[in-house]
């Protein structure tokens, strides 16, 4: 009888050790994957500015007032102003190797929009910006009627998708971790 116990005990020990090792590996992979996804969302959020467009002839004083109001919103990290003239120069620089397009830009009578580039703290939280563009009378008076703010679209959808994957990976990893911890404890008993 004693020899059977000695044979079973090493087998259980090996099984328990294997299950615990797998559990620790799953915990490590889950935490690592979650951190990579969180860092990705954070990096993309920092580079994904939202644009609010104003008429090109908006007075400087008005632009400064609107910029100041946006900077005071709760989710806004920073606001950068790009004048209509700067926008035209950037566009000309972008197409400097294409003479036909460059000539069309120079001859164009279309006025470029002045742009306020808004960097937000949390990309999926745009409620304060949405409220601002819907309710601020000064902004509504000077907004570019041809261009809506860039609060949605493909880039926003991509960020939301990555955020959803972070949440899903976190939940799935937590469930897998709990299951393997329970199995490890059961094997240890």
N, C-alpha and C. Protein backbone atom coordinates (compact mmCIF):
# COMPACT_ATOMS: atom_id res chain seq x y z
N UNK A 1 0.82 -1.18 0.00
CA UNK A 1 0.00 0.00 0.00
C UNK A 1 0.87 1.25 0.00
N UNK A 2 1.96 1.21 0.74
CA UNK A 2 2.85 2.37 0.83
C UNK A 2 3.49 2.68 -0.52
N UNK A 3 3.78 1.64 -1.30
CA UNK A 3 4.40 1.88 -2.61
C UNK A 3 3.43 2.54 -3.59
N UNK A 4 2.15 2.28 -3.46
CA UNK A 4 1.15 2.91 -4.33
C UNK A 4 1.07 4.40 -4.03
N UNK A 5 1.08 4.76 -2.77
CA UNK A 5 1.03 6.15 -2.35
C UNK A 5 2.23 6.92 -2.89
N UNK A 6 3.40 6.29 -2.85
CA UNK A 6 4.61 6.95 -3.35
C UNK A 6 4.55 7.14 -4.86
N UNK A 7 3.90 6.22 -5.55
CA UNK A 7 3.81 6.34 -7.00
C UNK A 7 2.79 7.42 -7.39
N UNK A 8 1.66 7.49 -6.67
CA UNK A 8 0.62 8.46 -6.97
C UNK A 8 1.06 9.87 -6.58
N UNK A 9 1.70 10.02 -5.46
CA UNK A 9 2.10 11.33 -4.97
C UNK A 9 3.01 12.07 -5.94
N UNK A 10 4.08 11.44 -6.48
CA UNK A 10 4.89 12.17 -7.47
C UNK A 10 4.07 12.55 -8.71
N UNK A 11 3.14 11.71 -9.13
CA UNK A 11 2.29 12.03 -10.28
C UNK A 11 1.42 13.23 -10.00
N UNK A 12 0.82 13.30 -8.81
CA UNK A 12 0.00 14.45 -8.44
C UNK A 12 0.85 15.71 -8.33
N UNK A 13 2.02 15.55 -7.79
CA UNK A 13 2.92 16.70 -7.64
C UNK A 13 3.29 17.27 -9.01
N UNK A 14 3.60 16.38 -9.92
CA UNK A 14 3.95 16.83 -11.27
C UNK A 14 2.74 17.50 -11.94
N UNK A 15 1.56 16.90 -11.79
CA UNK A 15 0.34 17.48 -12.38
C UNK A 15 0.02 18.83 -11.77
N UNK A 16 0.12 18.94 -10.45
CA UNK A 16 -0.17 20.21 -9.79
C UNK A 16 0.83 21.28 -10.22
N UNK A 17 2.08 20.90 -10.33
CA UNK A 17 3.12 21.84 -10.77
C UNK A 17 2.86 22.28 -12.22
N UNK A 18 2.47 21.35 -13.06
CA UNK A 18 2.18 21.68 -14.46
C UNK A 18 0.99 22.63 -14.56
N UNK A 19 -0.07 22.35 -13.81
CA UNK A 19 -1.25 23.21 -13.84
C UNK A 19 -0.91 24.60 -13.30
N UNK A 20 -0.13 24.66 -12.23
CA UNK A 20 0.25 25.95 -11.67
C UNK A 20 1.13 26.73 -12.65
N UNK A 21 2.02 26.03 -13.34
CA UNK A 21 2.88 26.68 -14.34
C UNK A 21 2.04 27.25 -15.47
N UNK A 22 1.08 26.46 -15.95
CA UNK A 22 0.20 26.94 -17.01
C UNK A 22 -0.60 28.15 -16.53
N UNK A 23 -1.07 28.09 -15.29
CA UNK A 23 -1.83 29.21 -14.71
C UNK A 23 -0.98 30.48 -14.67
N UNK A 24 0.24 30.36 -14.21
CA UNK A 24 1.12 31.53 -14.14
C UNK A 24 1.44 32.08 -15.53
N UNK A 25 1.62 31.18 -16.50
CA UNK A 25 1.88 31.64 -17.87
C UNK A 25 0.67 32.39 -18.41
N UNK A 26 -0.52 31.86 -18.17
CA UNK A 26 -1.74 32.52 -18.65
C UNK A 26 -1.91 33.88 -17.98
N UNK A 27 -1.65 33.96 -16.68
CA UNK A 27 -1.75 35.24 -15.97
C UNK A 27 -0.77 36.23 -16.58
N UNK A 28 0.48 35.80 -16.82
CA UNK A 28 1.49 36.68 -17.39
C UNK A 28 1.09 37.15 -18.79
N UNK A 29 0.66 36.23 -19.64
CA UNK A 29 0.26 36.58 -21.01
C UNK A 29 -0.93 37.54 -20.99
N UNK A 30 -1.90 37.28 -20.12
CA UNK A 30 -3.08 38.13 -20.03
C UNK A 30 -2.70 39.55 -19.63
N UNK A 31 -1.88 39.67 -18.59
CA UNK A 31 -1.47 41.00 -18.13
C UNK A 31 -0.62 41.71 -19.18
N UNK A 32 0.26 40.97 -19.84
CA UNK A 32 1.11 41.57 -20.88
C UNK A 32 0.28 42.05 -22.06
N UNK A 33 -0.64 41.21 -22.53
CA UNK A 33 -1.49 41.58 -23.67
C UNK A 33 -2.35 42.78 -23.34
N UNK A 34 -2.90 42.80 -22.15
CA UNK A 34 -3.73 43.93 -21.74
C UNK A 34 -2.91 45.22 -21.73
N UNK A 35 -1.70 45.15 -21.19
CA UNK A 35 -0.85 46.34 -21.12
C UNK A 35 -0.47 46.83 -22.51
N UNK A 36 -0.18 45.91 -23.42
CA UNK A 36 0.15 46.30 -24.79
C UNK A 36 -1.05 47.01 -25.43
N UNK A 37 -2.25 46.48 -25.25
CA UNK A 37 -3.43 47.10 -25.82
C UNK A 37 -3.71 48.47 -25.18
N UNK A 38 -3.54 48.58 -23.88
CA UNK A 38 -3.75 49.87 -23.20
C UNK A 38 -2.74 50.90 -23.70
N UNK A 39 -1.49 50.50 -23.84
CA UNK A 39 -0.46 51.41 -24.35
C UNK A 39 -0.75 51.83 -25.79
N UNK A 40 -1.25 50.90 -26.60
CA UNK A 40 -1.60 51.21 -27.98
C UNK A 40 -2.70 52.26 -28.03
N UNK A 41 -3.75 52.05 -27.24
CA UNK A 41 -4.85 53.01 -27.19
C UNK A 41 -4.33 54.37 -26.74
N UNK A 42 -3.48 54.39 -25.74
CA UNK A 42 -2.93 55.65 -25.22
C UNK A 42 -2.11 56.38 -26.29
N UNK A 43 -1.25 55.65 -26.99
CA UNK A 43 -0.42 56.27 -28.03
C UNK A 43 -1.26 56.80 -29.19
N UNK A 44 -2.24 56.03 -29.61
CA UNK A 44 -3.10 56.48 -30.70
C UNK A 44 -3.91 57.69 -30.27
N UNK A 45 -4.37 57.68 -29.02
CA UNK A 45 -5.15 58.82 -28.51
C UNK A 45 -4.34 60.10 -28.52
N UNK A 46 -3.07 60.01 -28.18
CA UNK A 46 -2.22 61.20 -28.14
C UNK A 46 -1.98 61.78 -29.54
N UNK A 47 -1.98 60.90 -30.54
CA UNK A 47 -1.72 61.36 -31.91
C UNK A 47 -3.00 61.68 -32.67
N UNK A 48 -4.13 61.30 -32.16
CA UNK A 48 -5.40 61.47 -32.88
C UNK A 48 -6.09 62.76 -32.44
N UNK A 49 -5.65 63.87 -32.99
CA UNK A 49 -6.27 65.15 -32.67
C UNK A 49 -7.64 65.25 -33.35
N UNK A 50 -8.51 65.98 -32.71
CA UNK A 50 -9.81 66.28 -33.28
C UNK A 50 -9.72 67.68 -33.87
N UNK A 51 -10.34 67.90 -34.99
CA UNK A 51 -10.28 69.21 -35.62
C UNK A 51 -11.63 69.90 -35.59
N UNK A 52 -11.59 71.18 -35.24
CA UNK A 52 -12.77 72.04 -35.28
C UNK A 52 -12.44 73.14 -36.28
N UNK A 53 -13.30 73.29 -37.29
CA UNK A 53 -13.01 74.20 -38.39
C UNK A 53 -13.79 75.50 -38.25
N UNK A 54 -13.08 76.60 -38.49
CA UNK A 54 -13.67 77.94 -38.45
C UNK A 54 -13.51 78.58 -39.83
N UNK A 55 -14.32 79.58 -40.08
CA UNK A 55 -14.18 80.32 -41.33
C UNK A 55 -12.78 80.93 -41.39
N UNK A 56 -12.23 80.99 -42.59
CA UNK A 56 -10.88 81.50 -42.75
C UNK A 56 -10.72 82.95 -42.37
N UNK A 57 -11.80 83.73 -42.42
CA UNK A 57 -11.71 85.15 -42.10
C UNK A 57 -12.14 85.46 -40.66
N UNK A 58 -12.16 84.46 -39.81
CA UNK A 58 -12.52 84.68 -38.40
C UNK A 58 -11.47 85.56 -37.74
N UNK A 59 -11.89 86.63 -37.05
CA UNK A 59 -10.92 87.52 -36.38
C UNK A 59 -10.09 86.78 -35.32
N UNK A 60 -8.81 87.19 -35.20
CA UNK A 60 -7.89 86.57 -34.24
C UNK A 60 -8.45 86.58 -32.82
N UNK A 61 -9.04 87.69 -32.42
CA UNK A 61 -9.57 87.81 -31.07
C UNK A 61 -10.67 86.77 -30.83
N UNK A 62 -11.51 86.56 -31.81
CA UNK A 62 -12.58 85.58 -31.70
C UNK A 62 -12.01 84.17 -31.61
N UNK A 63 -10.99 83.90 -32.43
CA UNK A 63 -10.34 82.58 -32.40
C UNK A 63 -9.74 82.32 -31.03
N UNK A 64 -9.08 83.32 -30.46
CA UNK A 64 -8.48 83.16 -29.13
C UNK A 64 -9.56 82.89 -28.08
N UNK A 65 -10.69 83.55 -28.20
CA UNK A 65 -11.80 83.34 -27.25
C UNK A 65 -12.34 81.92 -27.37
N UNK A 66 -12.58 81.48 -28.60
CA UNK A 66 -13.09 80.12 -28.82
C UNK A 66 -12.07 79.09 -28.33
N UNK A 67 -10.80 79.32 -28.65
CA UNK A 67 -9.73 78.41 -28.22
C UNK A 67 -9.69 78.31 -26.70
N UNK A 68 -9.79 79.45 -26.04
CA UNK A 68 -9.79 79.47 -24.58
C UNK A 68 -10.96 78.69 -23.99
N UNK A 69 -12.12 78.84 -24.60
CA UNK A 69 -13.31 78.11 -24.13
C UNK A 69 -13.14 76.61 -24.29
N UNK A 70 -12.54 76.19 -25.40
CA UNK A 70 -12.33 74.76 -25.63
C UNK A 70 -11.30 74.21 -24.63
N UNK A 71 -10.25 74.98 -24.36
CA UNK A 71 -9.22 74.54 -23.42
C UNK A 71 -9.77 74.31 -22.02
N UNK A 72 -10.85 74.97 -21.68
CA UNK A 72 -11.46 74.83 -20.36
C UNK A 72 -12.36 73.60 -20.22
N UNK A 73 -12.65 72.92 -21.34
CA UNK A 73 -13.50 71.73 -21.29
C UNK A 73 -12.78 70.61 -20.53
N UNK A 74 -13.57 69.79 -19.84
CA UNK A 74 -13.00 68.80 -18.92
C UNK A 74 -12.12 67.73 -19.56
N UNK A 75 -12.37 67.33 -20.77
CA UNK A 75 -11.60 66.25 -21.38
C UNK A 75 -10.51 66.75 -22.33
N UNK A 76 -10.31 68.06 -22.41
CA UNK A 76 -9.35 68.63 -23.36
C UNK A 76 -7.96 68.72 -22.73
N UNK A 77 -6.99 68.19 -23.46
CA UNK A 77 -5.61 68.23 -23.00
C UNK A 77 -4.91 69.49 -23.53
N UNK A 78 -5.08 69.77 -24.84
CA UNK A 78 -4.48 70.97 -25.43
C UNK A 78 -5.22 71.34 -26.70
N UNK A 79 -5.02 72.59 -27.13
CA UNK A 79 -5.63 73.09 -28.36
C UNK A 79 -4.56 73.85 -29.14
N UNK A 80 -4.43 73.51 -30.43
CA UNK A 80 -3.45 74.19 -31.29
C UNK A 80 -4.22 74.87 -32.42
N UNK A 81 -3.89 76.13 -32.66
CA UNK A 81 -4.54 76.91 -33.72
C UNK A 81 -3.70 76.87 -34.99
N UNK A 82 -4.35 76.55 -36.12
CA UNK A 82 -3.71 76.60 -37.44
C UNK A 82 -4.52 77.58 -38.29
N UNK A 83 -3.88 78.68 -38.66
CA UNK A 83 -4.59 79.70 -39.43
C UNK A 83 -4.88 79.20 -40.84
N UNK A 84 -5.80 79.89 -41.53
CA UNK A 84 -6.14 79.53 -42.90
C UNK A 84 -4.90 79.66 -43.80
N UNK A 85 -4.09 80.68 -43.55
CA UNK A 85 -2.87 80.87 -44.34
C UNK A 85 -1.88 79.73 -44.10
N UNK A 86 -1.70 79.33 -42.84
CA UNK A 86 -0.81 78.20 -42.54
C UNK A 86 -1.31 76.93 -43.23
N UNK A 87 -2.63 76.73 -43.21
CA UNK A 87 -3.21 75.54 -43.86
C UNK A 87 -2.91 75.55 -45.35
N UNK A 88 -3.02 76.72 -45.98
CA UNK A 88 -2.74 76.83 -47.41
C UNK A 88 -1.25 76.54 -47.67
N UNK A 89 -0.37 77.07 -46.82
CA UNK A 89 1.07 76.83 -46.98
C UNK A 89 1.41 75.35 -46.81
N UNK A 90 0.77 74.70 -45.84
CA UNK A 90 1.02 73.26 -45.63
C UNK A 90 0.54 72.46 -46.83
N UNK A 91 -0.59 72.85 -47.37
CA UNK A 91 -1.11 72.16 -48.54
C UNK A 91 -0.17 72.36 -49.73
N UNK A 92 0.34 73.57 -49.91
CA UNK A 92 1.28 73.84 -51.00
C UNK A 92 2.57 73.03 -50.80
N UNK A 93 3.03 72.93 -49.57
CA UNK A 93 4.24 72.15 -49.26
C UNK A 93 4.01 70.67 -49.56
N UNK A 94 2.83 70.19 -49.24
CA UNK A 94 2.49 68.79 -49.45
C UNK A 94 2.51 68.44 -50.95
N UNK A 95 2.10 69.37 -51.79
CA UNK A 95 2.02 69.11 -53.23
C UNK A 95 3.12 69.81 -54.02
N UNK A 96 4.23 70.13 -53.39
CA UNK A 96 5.30 70.86 -54.06
C UNK A 96 5.89 70.11 -55.26
N UNK A 97 5.80 68.79 -55.26
CA UNK A 97 6.33 68.00 -56.38
C UNK A 97 5.32 67.80 -57.51
N UNK A 98 4.13 68.35 -57.34
CA UNK A 98 3.09 68.22 -58.36
C UNK A 98 2.74 69.64 -58.85
N UNK A 99 3.37 70.10 -59.93
CA UNK A 99 3.20 71.49 -60.39
C UNK A 99 1.76 71.86 -60.73
N UNK A 100 1.01 70.94 -61.30
CA UNK A 100 -0.37 71.25 -61.68
C UNK A 100 -1.23 71.51 -60.44
N UNK A 101 -1.10 70.65 -59.46
CA UNK A 101 -1.87 70.82 -58.22
C UNK A 101 -1.42 72.07 -57.49
N UNK A 102 -0.13 72.29 -57.46
CA UNK A 102 0.42 73.47 -56.79
C UNK A 102 -0.10 74.75 -57.44
N UNK A 103 -0.16 74.79 -58.76
CA UNK A 103 -0.68 75.95 -59.47
C UNK A 103 -2.17 76.15 -59.17
N UNK A 104 -2.90 75.05 -59.10
CA UNK A 104 -4.33 75.13 -58.78
C UNK A 104 -4.54 75.68 -57.37
N UNK A 105 -3.68 75.29 -56.44
CA UNK A 105 -3.77 75.81 -55.07
C UNK A 105 -3.51 77.31 -55.06
N UNK A 106 -2.50 77.76 -55.79
CA UNK A 106 -2.15 79.17 -55.83
C UNK A 106 -3.26 80.02 -56.46
N UNK A 107 -3.88 79.48 -57.48
CA UNK A 107 -4.92 80.23 -58.19
C UNK A 107 -6.29 80.10 -57.56
N UNK A 108 -6.44 79.16 -56.70
CA UNK A 108 -7.75 78.89 -56.10
C UNK A 108 -8.23 80.08 -55.28
N UNK A 109 -9.48 80.40 -55.46
CA UNK A 109 -10.06 81.48 -54.68
C UNK A 109 -10.78 80.94 -53.44
N UNK A 110 -10.82 79.62 -53.32
CA UNK A 110 -11.47 79.03 -52.15
C UNK A 110 -10.68 79.37 -50.90
N UNK A 111 -11.37 79.83 -49.92
CA UNK A 111 -10.73 80.17 -48.67
C UNK A 111 -10.55 78.91 -47.84
N UNK A 112 -9.39 78.74 -47.28
CA UNK A 112 -9.12 77.59 -46.41
C UNK A 112 -9.75 77.85 -45.05
N UNK A 113 -10.02 76.78 -44.35
CA UNK A 113 -10.57 76.89 -43.00
C UNK A 113 -9.45 77.15 -42.01
N UNK A 114 -9.75 77.95 -41.00
CA UNK A 114 -8.87 78.02 -39.84
C UNK A 114 -9.21 76.78 -39.02
N UNK A 115 -8.23 76.19 -38.38
CA UNK A 115 -8.46 74.93 -37.68
C UNK A 115 -7.98 75.00 -36.24
N UNK A 116 -8.80 74.48 -35.35
CA UNK A 116 -8.39 74.29 -33.96
C UNK A 116 -8.20 72.78 -33.78
N UNK A 117 -6.95 72.36 -33.55
CA UNK A 117 -6.63 70.95 -33.35
C UNK A 117 -6.71 70.67 -31.86
N UNK A 118 -7.65 69.82 -31.48
CA UNK A 118 -7.92 69.54 -30.07
C UNK A 118 -7.38 68.16 -29.72
N UNK A 119 -6.52 68.12 -28.73
CA UNK A 119 -6.01 66.87 -28.20
C UNK A 119 -6.78 66.57 -26.91
N UNK A 120 -7.39 65.39 -26.86
CA UNK A 120 -8.22 65.06 -25.70
C UNK A 120 -7.52 64.05 -24.80
N UNK A 121 -7.93 64.04 -23.54
CA UNK A 121 -7.35 63.12 -22.57
C UNK A 121 -7.83 61.69 -22.81
N UNK A 122 -9.10 61.54 -23.09
CA UNK A 122 -9.67 60.22 -23.36
C UNK A 122 -10.43 60.29 -24.67
N UNK A 123 -9.94 59.59 -25.67
CA UNK A 123 -10.48 59.71 -27.02
C UNK A 123 -11.94 59.28 -27.14
N UNK A 124 -12.35 58.30 -26.36
CA UNK A 124 -13.73 57.83 -26.45
C UNK A 124 -14.72 58.72 -25.71
N UNK A 125 -14.24 59.75 -25.04
CA UNK A 125 -15.12 60.66 -24.31
C UNK A 125 -15.09 62.03 -25.01
N UNK A 126 -16.06 62.23 -25.89
CA UNK A 126 -16.11 63.49 -26.64
C UNK A 126 -17.34 64.30 -26.30
N UNK A 127 -18.01 63.95 -25.23
CA UNK A 127 -19.27 64.59 -24.88
C UNK A 127 -19.12 66.10 -24.71
N UNK A 128 -18.06 66.53 -24.01
CA UNK A 128 -17.90 67.97 -23.77
C UNK A 128 -17.66 68.72 -25.09
N UNK A 129 -16.89 68.13 -26.02
CA UNK A 129 -16.67 68.77 -27.33
C UNK A 129 -17.97 68.80 -28.13
N UNK A 130 -18.71 67.71 -28.10
CA UNK A 130 -19.99 67.68 -28.81
C UNK A 130 -20.94 68.75 -28.28
N UNK A 131 -21.00 68.86 -26.95
CA UNK A 131 -21.87 69.88 -26.34
C UNK A 131 -21.41 71.29 -26.74
N UNK A 132 -20.09 71.49 -26.77
CA UNK A 132 -19.55 72.79 -27.12
C UNK A 132 -19.98 73.20 -28.54
N UNK A 133 -19.77 72.32 -29.52
CA UNK A 133 -20.09 72.69 -30.90
C UNK A 133 -21.59 72.84 -31.13
N UNK A 134 -22.39 72.22 -30.28
CA UNK A 134 -23.85 72.35 -30.42
C UNK A 134 -24.42 73.56 -29.71
N UNK A 135 -23.73 74.04 -28.66
CA UNK A 135 -24.33 75.07 -27.82
C UNK A 135 -23.61 76.41 -27.81
N UNK A 136 -22.34 76.46 -28.16
CA UNK A 136 -21.59 77.72 -28.07
C UNK A 136 -21.97 78.64 -29.23
N UNK A 137 -22.61 79.75 -28.91
CA UNK A 137 -23.11 80.67 -29.95
C UNK A 137 -21.99 81.34 -30.74
N UNK A 138 -20.89 81.68 -30.07
CA UNK A 138 -19.77 82.32 -30.78
C UNK A 138 -19.18 81.33 -31.79
N UNK A 139 -18.98 80.10 -31.38
CA UNK A 139 -18.46 79.10 -32.32
C UNK A 139 -19.43 78.92 -33.49
N UNK A 140 -20.71 78.79 -33.19
CA UNK A 140 -21.70 78.55 -34.26
C UNK A 140 -21.71 79.70 -35.27
N UNK A 141 -21.43 80.91 -34.80
CA UNK A 141 -21.40 82.07 -35.69
C UNK A 141 -20.22 82.00 -36.67
N UNK A 142 -19.09 81.46 -36.21
CA UNK A 142 -17.87 81.45 -37.02
C UNK A 142 -17.46 80.07 -37.54
N UNK A 143 -18.26 79.05 -37.31
CA UNK A 143 -17.87 77.72 -37.79
C UNK A 143 -17.90 77.68 -39.31
N UNK A 144 -17.03 76.86 -39.87
CA UNK A 144 -16.98 76.70 -41.32
C UNK A 144 -18.21 75.90 -41.73
N UNK A 145 -19.08 76.49 -42.55
CA UNK A 145 -20.31 75.79 -42.92
C UNK A 145 -20.06 74.58 -43.83
N UNK A 146 -18.87 74.50 -44.41
CA UNK A 146 -18.56 73.40 -45.34
C UNK A 146 -17.86 72.21 -44.68
N UNK A 147 -17.44 72.37 -43.42
CA UNK A 147 -16.68 71.29 -42.77
C UNK A 147 -17.18 71.09 -41.35
N UNK A 148 -17.56 69.86 -41.07
CA UNK A 148 -17.98 69.51 -39.72
C UNK A 148 -16.77 69.11 -38.88
N UNK A 149 -16.84 69.25 -37.56
CA UNK A 149 -15.74 68.80 -36.70
C UNK A 149 -15.45 67.31 -36.91
N UNK A 150 -14.20 66.93 -36.75
CA UNK A 150 -13.78 65.54 -37.02
C UNK A 150 -13.88 64.66 -35.78
N UNK A 151 -15.04 64.62 -35.17
CA UNK A 151 -15.21 63.82 -33.96
C UNK A 151 -15.61 62.39 -34.23
N UNK A 152 -15.82 62.05 -35.47
CA UNK A 152 -16.23 60.69 -35.78
C UNK A 152 -15.54 60.25 -37.05
N UNK A 153 -15.88 59.10 -37.52
CA UNK A 153 -15.28 58.60 -38.75
C UNK A 153 -14.46 57.36 -38.51
N UNK A 154 -13.65 57.02 -39.49
CA UNK A 154 -12.88 55.78 -39.45
C UNK A 154 -11.89 55.74 -38.29
N UNK A 155 -11.21 56.85 -38.05
CA UNK A 155 -10.21 56.88 -36.99
C UNK A 155 -10.87 56.66 -35.63
N UNK A 156 -12.00 57.31 -35.40
CA UNK A 156 -12.71 57.15 -34.13
C UNK A 156 -13.19 55.71 -33.98
N UNK A 157 -13.68 55.12 -35.04
CA UNK A 157 -14.15 53.73 -34.98
C UNK A 157 -13.00 52.79 -34.68
N UNK A 158 -11.82 53.05 -35.26
CA UNK A 158 -10.65 52.21 -34.99
C UNK A 158 -10.26 52.27 -33.52
N UNK A 159 -10.29 53.45 -32.94
CA UNK A 159 -9.96 53.60 -31.52
C UNK A 159 -10.96 52.85 -30.66
N UNK A 160 -12.23 52.97 -30.98
CA UNK A 160 -13.25 52.25 -30.21
C UNK A 160 -13.06 50.75 -30.31
N UNK A 161 -12.69 50.28 -31.50
CA UNK A 161 -12.46 48.84 -31.69
C UNK A 161 -11.31 48.35 -30.82
N UNK A 162 -10.20 49.09 -30.81
CA UNK A 162 -9.06 48.71 -29.97
C UNK A 162 -9.47 48.73 -28.49
N UNK A 163 -10.21 49.76 -28.09
CA UNK A 163 -10.69 49.84 -26.71
C UNK A 163 -11.57 48.66 -26.34
N UNK A 164 -12.42 48.23 -27.27
CA UNK A 164 -13.26 47.06 -27.02
C UNK A 164 -12.43 45.79 -26.88
N UNK A 165 -11.37 45.67 -27.69
CA UNK A 165 -10.48 44.52 -27.57
C UNK A 165 -9.76 44.51 -26.22
N UNK A 166 -9.39 45.68 -25.74
CA UNK A 166 -8.75 45.75 -24.41
C UNK A 166 -9.70 45.21 -23.36
N UNK A 167 -10.95 45.66 -23.40
CA UNK A 167 -11.93 45.21 -22.42
C UNK A 167 -12.18 43.71 -22.54
N UNK A 168 -12.33 43.22 -23.77
CA UNK A 168 -12.58 41.80 -24.00
C UNK A 168 -11.39 40.95 -23.54
N UNK A 169 -10.18 41.38 -23.86
CA UNK A 169 -8.99 40.64 -23.44
C UNK A 169 -8.87 40.62 -21.92
N UNK A 170 -9.21 41.72 -21.29
CA UNK A 170 -9.15 41.79 -19.83
C UNK A 170 -10.16 40.82 -19.19
N UNK A 171 -11.37 40.81 -19.71
CA UNK A 171 -12.41 39.92 -19.17
C UNK A 171 -12.04 38.45 -19.44
N UNK A 172 -11.67 38.14 -20.68
CA UNK A 172 -11.30 36.77 -21.02
C UNK A 172 -10.11 36.28 -20.23
N UNK A 173 -9.12 37.12 -20.09
CA UNK A 173 -7.93 36.76 -19.31
C UNK A 173 -8.26 36.54 -17.84
N UNK A 174 -9.13 37.38 -17.30
CA UNK A 174 -9.53 37.23 -15.90
C UNK A 174 -10.27 35.91 -15.68
N UNK A 175 -11.16 35.57 -16.61
CA UNK A 175 -11.90 34.31 -16.50
C UNK A 175 -10.95 33.12 -16.59
N UNK A 176 -10.04 33.15 -17.57
CA UNK A 176 -9.08 32.05 -17.71
C UNK A 176 -8.20 31.93 -16.48
N UNK A 177 -7.79 33.05 -15.92
CA UNK A 177 -6.95 33.04 -14.72
C UNK A 177 -7.70 32.40 -13.55
N UNK A 178 -8.94 32.81 -13.34
CA UNK A 178 -9.73 32.25 -12.23
C UNK A 178 -9.92 30.74 -12.42
N UNK A 179 -10.23 30.31 -13.63
CA UNK A 179 -10.43 28.88 -13.90
C UNK A 179 -9.17 28.09 -13.57
N UNK A 180 -8.03 28.55 -14.04
CA UNK A 180 -6.79 27.82 -13.80
C UNK A 180 -6.34 27.89 -12.34
N UNK A 181 -6.63 28.97 -11.66
CA UNK A 181 -6.30 29.05 -10.23
C UNK A 181 -7.15 28.04 -9.46
N UNK A 182 -8.43 27.96 -9.81
CA UNK A 182 -9.32 26.99 -9.15
C UNK A 182 -8.83 25.57 -9.43
N UNK A 183 -8.45 25.28 -10.67
CA UNK A 183 -7.93 23.95 -11.00
C UNK A 183 -6.66 23.67 -10.22
N UNK A 184 -5.79 24.68 -10.11
CA UNK A 184 -4.53 24.51 -9.36
C UNK A 184 -4.80 24.19 -7.90
N UNK A 185 -5.75 24.91 -7.32
CA UNK A 185 -6.08 24.68 -5.91
C UNK A 185 -6.70 23.29 -5.75
N UNK A 186 -7.59 22.91 -6.67
CA UNK A 186 -8.23 21.59 -6.59
C UNK A 186 -7.19 20.47 -6.73
N UNK A 187 -6.20 20.65 -7.59
CA UNK A 187 -5.16 19.63 -7.74
C UNK A 187 -4.26 19.57 -6.52
N UNK A 188 -4.09 20.69 -5.87
CA UNK A 188 -3.25 20.74 -4.69
C UNK A 188 -3.89 20.05 -3.49
N UNK A 189 -5.23 19.96 -3.50
CA UNK A 189 -5.92 19.31 -2.39
C UNK A 189 -5.85 17.84 -2.58
